[in-house]
Amino acid sequence: MPEFRKVYTIQGFDREAAPRWQMVPMNEPRYVVLRGGAGLTVTCTRPTIAVVTEVKKADLPAGSFNEAFQAADRFFKIDAKGWGIAKLQAKTGAGVLVVELEVDTKQLKKVRVMFNFVKDNAGHKTKRVPASAAQWLVDLNRFVFKAQANVELIAHAPARWVTVPQNLGTVVRFSSHIATEPAAEHEWGVVVAQGDAGADLNVFLVWEYEQDNTPNADGAGGGTLNKNTLLEDSLQGTVTRNLGHELGHALGLNDHYDANHKHDLMYGYEDGGLNLPKAHANIINP
């Protein structure tokens, strides 16, 4: 059965959507492969939205290919011409539709992020350093947000150290939702008060973070409320995955716990993946 498949590993393709879905940025092309499509004619339903051009395998830009290609595979370049949704359709010579791919062109959306490296007045501080933040942005754009949804994270200002004017102790806590905890244990507010109000999102790097009633057991790698994220030093998995997950919350996405989609960025445990399906990409960049 003919099918459209992705060419590269992380470029905004959802094979579980019906029809399959490809995000195309307004400022750069995307490539797809048609497998089992010999003799079919491929056209775009809305050429004012996207233009499709058949190319040779040798013409594909260097990158991380999704799989080993087959001899009969056909490759197509998709260029955005306008903002909107179109379909690539593969038809027989008689005009019978065999398979189609939804193409969703997206404007570039920029999100300004401020990185705040936290210390308190008692000597507690994150082990991470501001010099790391630039590479985090590179990786988050390359593997998650810009690659899959055309959302570019940019530095609002140089990453910096901020000092909280109190002793936060060995664990920074969010505990206002726990009736048995004293108000003094709820430290979220004094930390996020150090953020930059001009940024779209503020990230605070802390040494240890918890949000339940067992603060001495490491049960959370980070937390996000509104446009503020706290991320601790000790993580399962990479900073790219865990910070990306938290920033996904800040951009409007919710957790899910479907182990069949553990590869998703918003899988609710720290060992998830980086994938943004169609529904999530359309939330953060409609």
C-alpha atoms as a PDB file:
ATOM      1  CA  MET A   1       0.000   0.000   0.000  1.00  0.00           C
ATOM      2  CA  PRO A   2       1.518   3.358  -0.970  1.00  0.00           C
ATOM      3  CA  GLU A   3       2.339   5.646   1.948  1.00  0.00           C
ATOM      4  CA  PHE A   4       4.032   8.928   2.726  1.00  0.00           C
ATOM      5  CA  ARG A   5       6.878   8.614   5.224  1.00  0.00           C
ATOM      6  CA  LYS A   6       9.301  11.029   6.831  1.00  0.00           C
ATOM      7  CA  VAL A   7      12.792  11.468   5.429  1.00  0.00           C
ATOM      8  CA  TYR A   8      14.503  12.901   8.521  1.00  0.00           C
ATOM      9  CA  THR A   9      14.197  11.815  12.132  1.00  0.00           C
ATOM     10  CA  ILE A  10      12.912  15.030  13.736  1.00  0.00           C
ATOM     11  CA  GLN A  11      11.200  17.453  11.380  1.00  0.00           C
ATOM     12  CA  GLY A  12       7.552  17.647  12.365  1.00  0.00           C
ATOM     13  CA  PHE A  13       6.021  14.514  10.833  1.00  0.00           C
ATOM     14  CA  ASP A  14       3.113  12.666  12.501  1.00  0.00           C
ATOM     15  CA  ARG A  15       2.563   9.184  11.100  1.00  0.00           C
ATOM     16  CA  GLU A  16      -0.337   8.510  13.481  1.00  0.00           C
ATOM     17  CA  ALA A  17      -2.449  11.415  12.261  1.00  0.00           C
ATOM     18  CA  ALA A  18      -5.119  10.588   9.685  1.00  0.00           C
ATOM     19  CA  PRO A  19      -4.052  11.490   7.090  1.00  0.00           C
ATOM     20  CA  ARG A  20      -0.390  11.617   8.016  1.00  0.00           C
ATOM     21  CA  TRP A  21       0.837  15.132   8.752  1.00  0.00           C
ATOM     22  CA  GLN A  22       3.892  17.203   7.900  1.00  0.00           C
ATOM     23  CA  MET A  23       4.729  20.612   9.375  1.00  0.00           C
ATOM     24  CA  VAL A  24       6.439  22.933   6.901  1.00  0.00           C
ATOM     25  CA  PRO A  25       8.057  26.154   8.181  1.00  0.00           C
ATOM     26  CA  MET A  26       7.472  29.280   6.153  1.00  0.00           C
ATOM     27  CA  ASN A  27      11.226  29.840   5.927  1.00  0.00           C
ATOM     28  CA  GLU A  28      12.613  26.411   5.003  1.00  0.00           C
ATOM     29  CA  PRO A  29      11.540  23.310   3.043  1.00  0.00           C
ATOM     30  CA  ARG A  30      10.623  19.871   4.287  1.00  0.00           C
ATOM     31  CA  TYR A  31      11.115  16.527   2.536  1.00  0.00           C
ATOM     32  CA  VAL A  32       8.960  13.393   2.470  1.00  0.00           C
ATOM     33  CA  VAL A  33       9.253  10.018   0.812  1.00  0.00           C
ATOM     34  CA  LEU A  34       6.483   8.223  -1.077  1.00  0.00           C
ATOM     35  CA  ARG A  35       6.898   4.488  -0.720  1.00  0.00           C
ATOM     36  CA  GLY A  36       5.105   2.142  -3.087  1.00  0.00           C
ATOM     37  CA  GLY A  37       4.042   5.026  -5.286  1.00  0.00           C
ATOM     38  CA  ALA A  38       5.512   4.135  -8.662  1.00  0.00           C
ATOM     39  CA  GLY A  39       3.454   5.602 -11.489  1.00  0.00           C
ATOM     40  CA  LEU A  40       1.334   7.823  -9.230  1.00  0.00           C
ATOM     41  CA  THR A  41       0.992  11.544  -9.869  1.00  0.00           C
ATOM     42  CA  VAL A  42       1.665  13.733  -6.820  1.00  0.00           C
ATOM     43  CA  THR A  43       0.147  17.195  -6.609  1.00  0.00           C
ATOM     44  CA  CYS A  44      -0.725  19.755  -3.941  1.00  0.00           C
ATOM     45  CA  THR A  45      -4.370  20.716  -3.479  1.00  0.00           C
ATOM     46  CA  ARG A  46      -3.496  24.334  -2.641  1.00  0.00           C
ATOM     47  CA  PRO A  47      -0.385  25.506  -4.516  1.00  0.00           C
ATOM     48  CA  THR A  48      -0.770  28.973  -2.982  1.00  0.00           C
ATOM     49  CA  ILE A  49      -0.062  27.320   0.387  1.00  0.00           C
ATOM     50  CA  ALA A  50       2.605  24.771  -0.584  1.00  0.00           C
ATOM     51  CA  VAL A  51       4.507  23.726  -3.704  1.00  0.00           C
ATOM     52  CA  VAL A  52       5.672  20.135  -4.123  1.00  0.00           C
ATOM     53  CA  THR A  53       8.658  19.154  -6.282  1.00  0.00           C
ATOM     54  CA  GLU A  54       9.963  15.651  -6.910  1.00  0.00           C
ATOM     55  CA  VAL A  55      13.698  15.376  -6.259  1.00  0.00           C
ATOM     56  CA  LYS A  56      16.330  12.677  -6.429  1.00  0.00           C
ATOM     57  CA  LYS A  57      17.740  11.017  -3.357  1.00  0.00           C
ATOM     58  CA  ALA A  58      21.095  12.571  -4.189  1.00  0.00           C
ATOM     59  CA  ASP A  59      19.485  16.017  -3.904  1.00  0.00           C
ATOM     60  CA  LEU A  60      18.473  15.529  -0.271  1.00  0.00           C
ATOM     61  CA  PRO A  61      20.369  17.784   2.142  1.00  0.00           C
ATOM     62  CA  ALA A  62      22.670  16.065   4.607  1.00  0.00           C
ATOM     63  CA  GLY A  63      20.942  15.062   7.809  1.00  0.00           C
ATOM     64  CA  SER A  64      19.847  12.241  10.053  1.00  0.00           C
ATOM     65  CA  PHE A  65      17.717  10.047   7.811  1.00  0.00           C
ATOM     66  CA  ASN A  66      14.849   8.226   9.441  1.00  0.00           C
ATOM     67  CA  GLU A  67      15.573   4.856   7.867  1.00  0.00           C
ATOM     68  CA  ALA A  68      17.279   2.983   5.049  1.00  0.00           C
ATOM     69  CA  PHE A  69      15.444   3.877   1.868  1.00  0.00           C
ATOM     70  CA  GLN A  70      14.179   1.439  -0.742  1.00  0.00           C
ATOM     71  CA  ALA A  71      15.147   1.458  -4.404  1.00  0.00           C
ATOM     72  CA  ALA A  72      11.678   2.477  -5.596  1.00  0.00           C
ATOM     73  CA  ASP A  73      11.174   5.254  -3.032  1.00  0.00           C
ATOM     74  CA  ARG A  74      10.255   8.661  -4.461  1.00  0.00           C
ATOM     75  CA  PHE A  75      11.308  11.871  -2.714  1.00  0.00           C
ATOM     76  CA  PHE A  76       9.454  15.176  -2.609  1.00  0.00           C
ATOM     77  CA  LYS A  77      10.445  18.645  -1.479  1.00  0.00           C
ATOM     78  CA  ILE A  78       7.707  20.811   0.036  1.00  0.00           C
ATOM     79  CA  ASP A  79       8.066  24.598   0.065  1.00  0.00           C
ATOM     80  CA  ALA A  80       5.650  26.841   1.931  1.00  0.00           C
ATOM     81  CA  LYS A  81       4.183  29.672  -0.115  1.00  0.00           C
ATOM     82  CA  GLY A  82       1.492  30.875   2.278  1.00  0.00           C
ATOM     83  CA  TRP A  83       0.146  30.178   5.743  1.00  0.00           C
ATOM     84  CA  GLY A  84      -2.443  27.428   5.963  1.00  0.00           C
ATOM     85  CA  ILE A  85      -3.238  23.775   5.369  1.00  0.00           C
ATOM     86  CA  ALA A  86      -3.041  21.819   2.128  1.00  0.00           C
ATOM     87  CA  LYS A  87      -2.753  18.173   1.077  1.00  0.00           C
ATOM     88  CA  LEU A  88      -0.290  16.281  -1.029  1.00  0.00           C
ATOM     89  CA  GLN A  89      -2.277  13.770  -3.055  1.00  0.00           C
ATOM     90  CA  ALA A  90      -0.983  10.767  -4.939  1.00  0.00           C
ATOM     91  CA  LYS A  91      -3.375   9.646  -7.687  1.00  0.00           C
ATOM     92  CA  THR A  92      -3.499   7.126 -10.473  1.00  0.00           C
ATOM     93  CA  GLY A  93      -3.473   8.191 -14.120  1.00  0.00           C
ATOM     94  CA  ALA A  94      -7.259   7.945 -14.004  1.00  0.00           C
ATOM     95  CA  GLY A  95      -7.367  10.453 -11.166  1.00  0.00           C
ATOM     96  CA  VAL A  96      -8.180   8.018  -8.380  1.00  0.00           C
ATOM     97  CA  LEU A  97      -6.834   9.172  -5.013  1.00  0.00           C
ATOM     98  CA  VAL A  98      -4.547   6.533  -3.499  1.00  0.00           C
ATOM     99  CA  VAL A  99      -2.943   8.282  -0.541  1.00  0.00           C
ATOM    100  CA  GLU A 100      -2.588  11.814   0.807  1.00  0.00           C
ATOM    101  CA  LEU A 101      -0.521  13.790   3.290  1.00  0.00           C
ATOM    102  CA  GLU A 102      -1.702  16.851   5.182  1.00  0.00           C
ATOM    103  CA  VAL A 103       0.719  19.769   4.946  1.00  0.00           C
ATOM    104  CA  ASP A 104       0.548  22.443   7.635  1.00  0.00           C
ATOM    105  CA  THR A 105       2.644  25.535   6.921  1.00  0.00           C
ATOM    106  CA  LYS A 106       3.592  27.564   9.997  1.00  0.00           C
ATOM    107  CA  GLN A 107       4.861  31.058  10.578  1.00  0.00           C
ATOM    108  CA  LEU A 108       7.948  31.389  12.764  1.00  0.00           C
ATOM    109  CA  LYS A 109       6.964  32.030  16.381  1.00  0.00           C
ATOM    110  CA  LYS A 110       9.686  33.405  18.660  1.00  0.00           C
ATOM    111  CA  VAL A 111       9.623  32.864  22.429  1.00  0.00           C
ATOM    112  CA  ARG A 112      12.003  34.820  24.657  1.00  0.00           C
ATOM    113  CA  VAL A 113      13.491  32.749  27.476  1.00  0.00           C
ATOM    114  CA  MET A 114      15.386  34.053  30.502  1.00  0.00           C
ATOM    115  CA  PHE A 115      17.723  31.629  32.289  1.00  0.00           C
ATOM    116  CA  ASN A 116      18.166  32.346  36.008  1.00  0.00           C
ATOM    117  CA  PHE A 117      20.782  30.360  37.948  1.00  0.00           C
ATOM    118  CA  VAL A 118      19.691  30.383  41.569  1.00  0.00           C
ATOM    119  CA  LYS A 119      21.601  30.732  44.803  1.00  0.00           C
ATOM    120  CA  ASP A 120      20.354  31.751  48.254  1.00  0.00           C
ATOM    121  CA  ASN A 121      21.854  33.774  51.079  1.00  0.00           C
ATOM    122  CA  ALA A 122      22.946  30.638  52.942  1.00  0.00           C
ATOM    123  CA  GLY A 123      25.272  29.276  50.265  1.00  0.00           C
ATOM    124  CA  HIS A 124      22.952  26.838  48.491  1.00  0.00           C
ATOM    125  CA  LYS A 125      23.200  27.088  44.708  1.00  0.00           C
ATOM    126  CA  THR A 126      22.723  25.140  41.519  1.00  0.00           C
ATOM    127  CA  LYS A 127      25.685  23.210  40.147  1.00  0.00           C
ATOM    128  CA  ARG A 128      24.825  24.388  36.653  1.00  0.00           C
ATOM    129  CA  VAL A 129      26.427  27.505  35.165  1.00  0.00           C
ATOM    130  CA  PRO A 130      25.099  30.268  32.880  1.00  0.00           C
ATOM    131  CA  ALA A 131      27.547  29.333  30.116  1.00  0.00           C
ATOM    132  CA  SER A 132      25.459  26.183  29.489  1.00  0.00           C
ATOM    133  CA  ALA A 133      22.283  28.010  28.538  1.00  0.00           C
ATOM    134  CA  ALA A 134      23.261  28.873  24.959  1.00  0.00           C
ATOM    135  CA  GLN A 135      23.710  25.204  24.030  1.00  0.00           C
ATOM    136  CA  TRP A 136      20.425  24.288  25.680  1.00  0.00           C
ATOM    137  CA  LEU A 137      18.663  26.720  23.371  1.00  0.00           C
ATOM    138  CA  VAL A 138      20.469  25.289  20.345  1.00  0.00           C
ATOM    139  CA  ASP A 139      19.416  21.750  21.261  1.00  0.00           C
ATOM    140  CA  LEU A 140      15.834  22.643  22.184  1.00  0.00           C
ATOM    141  CA  ASN A 141      15.369  24.365  18.828  1.00  0.00           C
ATOM    142  CA  ARG A 142      17.185  21.738  16.777  1.00  0.00           C
ATOM    143  CA  PHE A 143      15.488  18.691  18.259  1.00  0.00           C
ATOM    144  CA  VAL A 144      12.152  19.940  19.571  1.00  0.00           C
ATOM    145  CA  PHE A 145      10.458  23.267  19.112  1.00  0.00           C
ATOM    146  CA  LYS A 146      11.794  24.845  15.924  1.00  0.00           C
ATOM    147  CA  ALA A 147      12.315  21.553  14.109  1.00  0.00           C
ATOM    148  CA  GLN A 148       8.839  20.239  14.853  1.00  0.00           C
ATOM    149  CA  ALA A 149       6.608  23.298  15.305  1.00  0.00           C
ATOM    150  CA  ASN A 150       8.582  26.286  13.941  1.00  0.00           C
ATOM    151  CA  VAL A 151       8.742  27.796  17.433  1.00  0.00           C
ATOM    152  CA  GLU A 152      12.152  29.325  18.060  1.00  0.00           C
ATOM    153  CA  LEU A 153      13.368  29.804  21.635  1.00  0.00           C
ATOM    154  CA  ILE A 154      15.675  32.803  21.886  1.00  0.00           C
ATOM    155  CA  ALA A 155      17.597  34.280  24.800  1.00  0.00           C
ATOM    156  CA  HIS A 156      15.751  37.255  26.250  1.00  0.00           C
ATOM    157  CA  ALA A 157      19.019  38.450  27.821  1.00  0.00           C
ATOM    158  CA  PRO A 158      22.301  36.820  28.856  1.00  0.00           C
ATOM    159  CA  ALA A 159      21.860  33.978  31.358  1.00  0.00           C
ATOM    160  CA  ARG A 160      22.574  35.180  34.868  1.00  0.00           C
ATOM    161  CA  TRP A 161      22.919  34.355  38.546  1.00  0.00           C
ATOM    162  CA  VAL A 162      20.099  35.498  40.839  1.00  0.00           C
ATOM    163  CA  THR A 163      20.183  35.491  44.651  1.00  0.00           C
ATOM    164  CA  VAL A 164      17.106  34.697  46.730  1.00  0.00           C
ATOM    165  CA  PRO A 165      17.335  36.757  49.958  1.00  0.00           C
ATOM    166  CA  GLN A 166      16.597  33.897  52.332  1.00  0.00           C
ATOM    167  CA  ASN A 167      17.759  30.399  53.240  1.00  0.00           C
ATOM    168  CA  LEU A 168      15.899  27.956  50.972  1.00  0.00           C
ATOM    169  CA  GLY A 169      17.485  24.906  52.551  1.00  0.00           C
ATOM    170  CA  THR A 170      18.464  21.734  50.769  1.00  0.00           C
ATOM    171  CA  VAL A 171      15.167  21.480  48.849  1.00  0.00           C
ATOM    172  CA  VAL A 172      13.277  24.230  47.024  1.00  0.00           C
ATOM    173  CA  ARG A 173       9.579  23.488  47.430  1.00  0.00           C
ATOM    174  CA  PHE A 174       6.214  24.159  45.863  1.00  0.00           C
ATOM    175  CA  SER A 175       3.828  23.290  48.680  1.00  0.00           C
ATOM    176  CA  SER A 176       0.941  25.773  48.755  1.00  0.00           C
ATOM    177  CA  HIS A 177      -1.437  22.979  47.716  1.00  0.00           C
ATOM    178  CA  ILE A 178      -0.540  20.851  50.764  1.00  0.00           C
ATOM    179  CA  ALA A 179      -2.716  21.881  53.710  1.00  0.00           C
ATOM    180  CA  THR A 180      -0.396  20.391  56.321  1.00  0.00           C
ATOM    181  CA  GLU A 181       2.662  22.346  55.217  1.00  0.00           C
ATOM    182  CA  PRO A 182       3.488  25.712  56.845  1.00  0.00           C
ATOM    183  CA  ALA A 183       3.555  28.766  54.595  1.00  0.00           C
ATOM    184  CA  ALA A 184       7.294  29.154  55.152  1.00  0.00           C
ATOM    185  CA  GLU A 185       7.879  25.887  53.289  1.00  0.00           C
ATOM    186  CA  HIS A 186       6.284  27.257  50.125  1.00  0.00           C
ATOM    187  CA  GLU A 187       9.323  28.751  48.416  1.00  0.00           C
ATOM    188  CA  TRP A 188       8.176  28.953  44.824  1.00  0.00           C
ATOM    189  CA  GLY A 189       7.105  32.571  45.050  1.00  0.00           C
ATOM    190  CA  VAL A 190      10.362  33.959  46.408  1.00  0.00           C
ATOM    191  CA  VAL A 191      12.296  32.175  43.672  1.00  0.00           C
ATOM    192  CA  VAL A 192      10.174  33.240  40.697  1.00  0.00           C
ATOM    193  CA  ALA A 193      10.134  36.818  42.017  1.00  0.00           C
ATOM    194  CA  GLN A 194      13.760  36.980  40.825  1.00  0.00           C
ATOM    195  CA  GLY A 195      12.711  36.491  37.200  1.00  0.00           C
ATOM    196  CA  ASP A 196      12.697  39.000  34.367  1.00  0.00           C
ATOM    197  CA  ALA A 197       9.170  40.286  33.770  1.00  0.00           C
ATOM    198  CA  GLY A 198      10.066  41.187  30.181  1.00  0.00           C
ATOM    199  CA  ALA A 199      10.714  37.572  29.169  1.00  0.00           C
ATOM    200  CA  ASP A 200       8.034  35.303  27.772  1.00  0.00           C
ATOM    201  CA  LEU A 201       9.327  32.415  29.910  1.00  0.00           C
ATOM    202  CA  ASN A 202      11.617  32.343  32.952  1.00  0.00           C
ATOM    203  CA  VAL A 203      13.667  29.238  33.775  1.00  0.00           C
ATOM    204  CA  PHE A 204      15.196  28.895  37.254  1.00  0.00           C
ATOM    205  CA  LEU A 205      17.978  26.366  37.798  1.00  0.00           C
ATOM    206  CA  VAL A 206      17.936  25.108  41.393  1.00  0.00           C
ATOM    207  CA  TRP A 207      19.796  22.405  43.294  1.00  0.00           C
ATOM    208  CA  GLU A 208      16.792  20.295  44.345  1.00  0.00           C
ATOM    209  CA  TYR A 209      13.066  20.719  43.722  1.00  0.00           C
ATOM    210  CA  GLU A 210       9.992  18.973  45.140  1.00  0.00           C
ATOM    211  CA  GLN A 211       6.239  19.552  44.946  1.00  0.00           C
ATOM    212  CA  ASP A 212       4.773  16.858  47.199  1.00  0.00           C
ATOM    213  CA  ASN A 213       4.613  16.059  50.915  1.00  0.00           C
ATOM    214  CA  THR A 214       7.783  13.940  50.868  1.00  0.00           C
ATOM    215  CA  PRO A 215      10.449  16.545  50.090  1.00  0.00           C
ATOM    216  CA  ASN A 216      13.316  14.290  51.155  1.00  0.00           C
ATOM    217  CA  ALA A 217      12.441  11.743  48.457  1.00  0.00           C
ATOM    218  CA  ASP A 218      13.443  12.802  44.953  1.00  0.00           C
ATOM    219  CA  GLY A 219      10.125  12.619  43.143  1.00  0.00           C
ATOM    220  CA  ALA A 220      10.255  15.524  40.680  1.00  0.00           C
ATOM    221  CA  GLY A 221      12.848  16.870  38.289  1.00  0.00           C
ATOM    222  CA  GLY A 222      11.112  20.165  37.761  1.00  0.00           C
ATOM    223  CA  GLY A 223       7.861  22.057  37.780  1.00  0.00           C
ATOM    224  CA  THR A 224       6.100  24.723  35.735  1.00  0.00           C
ATOM    225  CA  LEU A 225       3.377  27.175  36.653  1.00  0.00           C
ATOM    226  CA  ASN A 226       2.201  29.826  34.231  1.00  0.00           C
ATOM    227  CA  LYS A 227       5.377  31.149  32.583  1.00  0.00           C
ATOM    228  CA  ASN A 228       7.882  30.044  35.241  1.00  0.00           C
ATOM    229  CA  THR A 229       9.861  26.793  35.333  1.00  0.00           C
ATOM    230  CA  LEU A 230      12.073  25.394  38.096  1.00  0.00           C
ATOM    231  CA  LEU A 231      14.503  22.637  37.085  1.00  0.00           C
ATOM    232  CA  GLU A 232      16.744  20.769  39.514  1.00  0.00           C
ATOM    233  CA  ASP A 233      20.314  19.529  39.096  1.00  0.00           C
ATOM    234  CA  SER A 234      19.546  15.808  39.463  1.00  0.00           C
ATOM    235  CA  LEU A 235      17.578  14.575  36.466  1.00  0.00           C
ATOM    236  CA  GLN A 236      16.695  11.282  34.856  1.00  0.00           C
ATOM    237  CA  GLY A 237      17.490  11.830  31.205  1.00  0.00           C
ATOM    238  CA  THR A 238      18.933  14.873  29.483  1.00  0.00           C
ATOM    239  CA  VAL A 239      18.438  18.562  30.166  1.00  0.00           C
ATOM    240  CA  THR A 240      17.080  18.903  26.619  1.00  0.00           C
ATOM    241  CA  ARG A 241      14.303  16.421  27.282  1.00  0.00           C
ATOM    242  CA  ASN A 242      13.383  17.535  30.795  1.00  0.00           C
ATOM    243  CA  LEU A 243      13.635  21.265  30.167  1.00  0.00           C
ATOM    244  CA  GLY A 244      11.789  20.822  26.877  1.00  0.00           C
ATOM    245  CA  HIS A 245       9.016  18.972  28.722  1.00  0.00           C
ATOM    246  CA  GLU A 246       8.651  21.776  31.259  1.00  0.00           C
ATOM    247  CA  LEU A 247       8.687  24.455  28.581  1.00  0.00           C
ATOM    248  CA  GLY A 248       6.015  22.444  26.786  1.00  0.00           C
ATOM    249  CA  HIS A 249       3.832  23.016  29.843  1.00  0.00           C
ATOM    250  CA  ALA A 250       4.627  26.737  29.747  1.00  0.00           C
ATOM    251  CA  LEU A 251       3.496  26.794  26.104  1.00  0.00           C
ATOM    252  CA  GLY A 252       0.173  25.143  26.909  1.00  0.00           C
ATOM    253  CA  LEU A 253       0.765  21.376  26.739  1.00  0.00           C
ATOM    254  CA  ASN A 254      -0.360  18.799  29.301  1.00  0.00           C
ATOM    255  CA  ASP A 255       1.183  15.540  30.466  1.00  0.00           C
ATOM    256  CA  HIS A 256       0.031  12.170  29.225  1.00  0.00           C
ATOM    257  CA  TYR A 257       0.910   8.734  30.593  1.00  0.00           C
ATOM    258  CA  ASP A 258       0.311   6.497  27.586  1.00  0.00           C
ATOM    259  CA  ALA A 259       3.326   4.169  27.481  1.00  0.00           C
ATOM    260  CA  ASN A 260       2.607   3.495  23.806  1.00  0.00           C
ATOM    261  CA  HIS A 261       3.618   7.119  23.198  1.00  0.00           C
ATOM    262  CA  LYS A 262       6.585   7.226  25.534  1.00  0.00           C
ATOM    263  CA  HIS A 263       8.533   8.845  22.704  1.00  0.00           C
ATOM    264  CA  ASP A 264       6.477  12.034  23.106  1.00  0.00           C
ATOM    265  CA  LEU A 265       7.913  15.122  24.771  1.00  0.00           C
ATOM    266  CA  MET A 266       4.880  15.351  27.034  1.00  0.00           C
ATOM    267  CA  TYR A 267       5.017  11.788  28.323  1.00  0.00           C
ATOM    268  CA  GLY A 268       4.686  12.402  32.043  1.00  0.00           C
ATOM    269  CA  TYR A 269       7.783  10.588  33.257  1.00  0.00           C
ATOM    270  CA  GLU A 270      11.355  11.800  32.937  1.00  0.00           C
ATOM    271  CA  ASP A 271      12.455   9.010  30.578  1.00  0.00           C
ATOM    272  CA  GLY A 272      10.219  10.129  27.708  1.00  0.00           C
ATOM    273  CA  GLY A 273      11.242  11.312  24.268  1.00  0.00           C
ATOM    274  CA  LEU A 274      11.241  14.487  22.179  1.00  0.00           C
ATOM    275  CA  ASN A 275       8.372  13.954  19.739  1.00  0.00           C
ATOM    276  CA  LEU A 276       5.706  16.611  19.191  1.00  0.00           C
ATOM    277  CA  PRO A 277       2.636  15.088  17.505  1.00  0.00           C
ATOM    278  CA  LYS A 278       0.359  17.157  15.297  1.00  0.00           C
ATOM    279  CA  ALA A 279      -2.020  18.074  18.136  1.00  0.00           C
ATOM    280  CA  HIS A 280       0.792  19.409  20.324  1.00  0.00           C
ATOM    281  CA  ALA A 281       2.502  21.344  17.538  1.00  0.00           C
ATOM    282  CA  ASN A 282      -0.807  22.987  16.716  1.00  0.00           C
ATOM    283  CA  ILE A 283      -1.301  24.095  20.319  1.00  0.00           C
ATOM    284  CA  ILE A 284       2.068  25.790  20.669  1.00  0.00           C
ATOM    285  CA  ASN A 285       2.001  27.267  17.165  1.00  0.00           C
ATOM    286  CA  PRO A 286      -1.541  27.305  15.699  1.00  0.00           C
END
